[in-house]
Amino acid sequence: MLKPGRKPQKIYPNADRYGEDGRRLYSAYDGAAVARRPGRQLWVKRFRLVAIVLAFIAGALAAIIISALPH
């Protein structure tokens, strides 16, 4: 009787994790090294949010003032 053949497997199933020099391309420990301080991007994002909120408030105040003027 013939034995059932095995499925062909990749020679190196995790070969995509390593570069040409054999070192890992990424590690599970890379992101957990140190908690970094908020950078410039966070401050820019906050500044944009504050600018949008202030512009909305200014528009609402202008609409209230204009509607309160006598016609």
C-alpha atoms as a PDB file:
ATOM      1  CA  MET A   1       0.000   0.000   0.000  1.00  0.00           C
ATOM      2  CA  LEU A   2       1.045   3.549  -0.612  1.00  0.00           C
ATOM      3  CA  LYS A   3       1.608   5.862   2.311  1.00  0.00           C
ATOM      4  CA  PRO A   4      -0.260   9.168   2.174  1.00  0.00           C
ATOM      5  CA  GLY A   5       2.185  11.901   1.229  1.00  0.00           C
ATOM      6  CA  ARG A   6       2.948  14.804   3.515  1.00  0.00           C
ATOM      7  CA  LYS A   7       1.957  18.309   2.576  1.00  0.00           C
ATOM      8  CA  PRO A   8       4.849  20.332   1.218  1.00  0.00           C
ATOM      9  CA  GLN A   9       6.062  22.789   3.828  1.00  0.00           C
ATOM     10  CA  LYS A  10       8.135  25.895   3.529  1.00  0.00           C
ATOM     11  CA  ILE A  11      11.758  25.311   4.300  1.00  0.00           C
ATOM     12  CA  TYR A  12      11.893  28.366   6.557  1.00  0.00           C
ATOM     13  CA  PRO A  13       8.342  29.267   7.658  1.00  0.00           C
ATOM     14  CA  ASN A  14       9.476  32.377   9.589  1.00  0.00           C
ATOM     15  CA  ALA A  15      12.048  33.540   7.089  1.00  0.00           C
ATOM     16  CA  ASP A  16      10.190  36.840   6.587  1.00  0.00           C
ATOM     17  CA  ARG A  17      11.016  37.830  10.183  1.00  0.00           C
ATOM     18  CA  TYR A  18      14.738  38.034   9.512  1.00  0.00           C
ATOM     19  CA  GLY A  19      16.794  40.315   7.311  1.00  0.00           C
ATOM     20  CA  GLU A  20      19.597  39.319   4.971  1.00  0.00           C
ATOM     21  CA  ASP A  21      22.106  39.486   7.807  1.00  0.00           C
ATOM     22  CA  GLY A  22      20.099  37.048   9.930  1.00  0.00           C
ATOM     23  CA  ARG A  23      18.998  39.611  12.507  1.00  0.00           C
ATOM     24  CA  ARG A  24      15.375  40.080  13.463  1.00  0.00           C
ATOM     25  CA  LEU A  25      13.509  42.791  11.582  1.00  0.00           C
ATOM     26  CA  TYR A  26      11.294  43.499  14.572  1.00  0.00           C
ATOM     27  CA  SER A  27      11.033  42.447  18.156  1.00  0.00           C
ATOM     28  CA  ALA A  28       8.230  42.194  20.699  1.00  0.00           C
ATOM     29  CA  TYR A  29      10.353  44.237  23.083  1.00  0.00           C
ATOM     30  CA  ASP A  30      10.975  47.235  20.806  1.00  0.00           C
ATOM     31  CA  GLY A  31       7.822  49.120  21.753  1.00  0.00           C
ATOM     32  CA  ALA A  32       8.015  48.453  25.481  1.00  0.00           C
ATOM     33  CA  ALA A  33      11.486  49.871  26.115  1.00  0.00           C
ATOM     34  CA  VAL A  34      10.655  53.271  27.638  1.00  0.00           C
ATOM     35  CA  ALA A  35       7.482  55.308  27.916  1.00  0.00           C
ATOM     36  CA  ARG A  36       8.306  58.378  25.865  1.00  0.00           C
ATOM     37  CA  ARG A  37       7.220  61.917  26.596  1.00  0.00           C
ATOM     38  CA  PRO A  38       4.584  63.407  24.335  1.00  0.00           C
ATOM     39  CA  GLY A  39       6.327  64.860  21.326  1.00  0.00           C
ATOM     40  CA  ARG A  40       5.788  67.817  19.080  1.00  0.00           C
ATOM     41  CA  GLN A  41       3.036  66.093  17.125  1.00  0.00           C
ATOM     42  CA  LEU A  42       0.818  65.846  20.186  1.00  0.00           C
ATOM     43  CA  TRP A  43       1.190  69.565  20.877  1.00  0.00           C
ATOM     44  CA  VAL A  44       0.425  70.416  17.249  1.00  0.00           C
ATOM     45  CA  LYS A  45      -2.704  68.264  17.413  1.00  0.00           C
ATOM     46  CA  ARG A  46      -3.839  69.970  20.626  1.00  0.00           C
ATOM     47  CA  PHE A  47      -3.156  73.404  19.154  1.00  0.00           C
ATOM     48  CA  ARG A  48      -5.247  72.594  16.081  1.00  0.00           C
ATOM     49  CA  LEU A  49      -8.102  71.362  18.253  1.00  0.00           C
ATOM     50  CA  VAL A  50      -7.998  74.544  20.377  1.00  0.00           C
ATOM     51  CA  ALA A  51      -7.909  76.700  17.226  1.00  0.00           C
ATOM     52  CA  ILE A  52     -10.963  74.945  15.780  1.00  0.00           C
ATOM     53  CA  VAL A  53     -12.909  75.265  19.036  1.00  0.00           C
ATOM     54  CA  LEU A  54     -12.018  78.965  19.357  1.00  0.00           C
ATOM     55  CA  ALA A  55     -13.039  79.621  15.740  1.00  0.00           C
ATOM     56  CA  PHE A  56     -16.376  77.891  16.369  1.00  0.00           C
ATOM     57  CA  ILE A  57     -16.967  79.948  19.527  1.00  0.00           C
ATOM     58  CA  ALA A  58     -16.024  83.169  17.703  1.00  0.00           C
ATOM     59  CA  GLY A  59     -18.471  82.337  14.901  1.00  0.00           C
ATOM     60  CA  ALA A  60     -21.249  81.615  17.381  1.00  0.00           C
ATOM     61  CA  LEU A  61     -20.594  84.896  19.231  1.00  0.00           C
ATOM     62  CA  ALA A  62     -20.562  86.829  15.967  1.00  0.00           C
ATOM     63  CA  ALA A  63     -23.893  85.292  14.985  1.00  0.00           C
ATOM     64  CA  ILE A  64     -25.401  86.157  18.375  1.00  0.00           C
ATOM     65  CA  ILE A  65     -24.128  89.753  18.236  1.00  0.00           C
ATOM     66  CA  ILE A  66     -25.312  90.287  14.659  1.00  0.00           C
ATOM     67  CA  SER A  67     -28.749  88.857  15.411  1.00  0.00           C
ATOM     68  CA  ALA A  68     -29.037  91.136  18.480  1.00  0.00           C
ATOM     69  CA  LEU A  69     -28.429  94.321  16.481  1.00  0.00           C
ATOM     70  CA  PRO A  70     -31.543  96.364  15.734  1.00  0.00           C
ATOM     71  CA  HIS A  71     -32.807  96.003  12.187  1.00  0.00           C
END
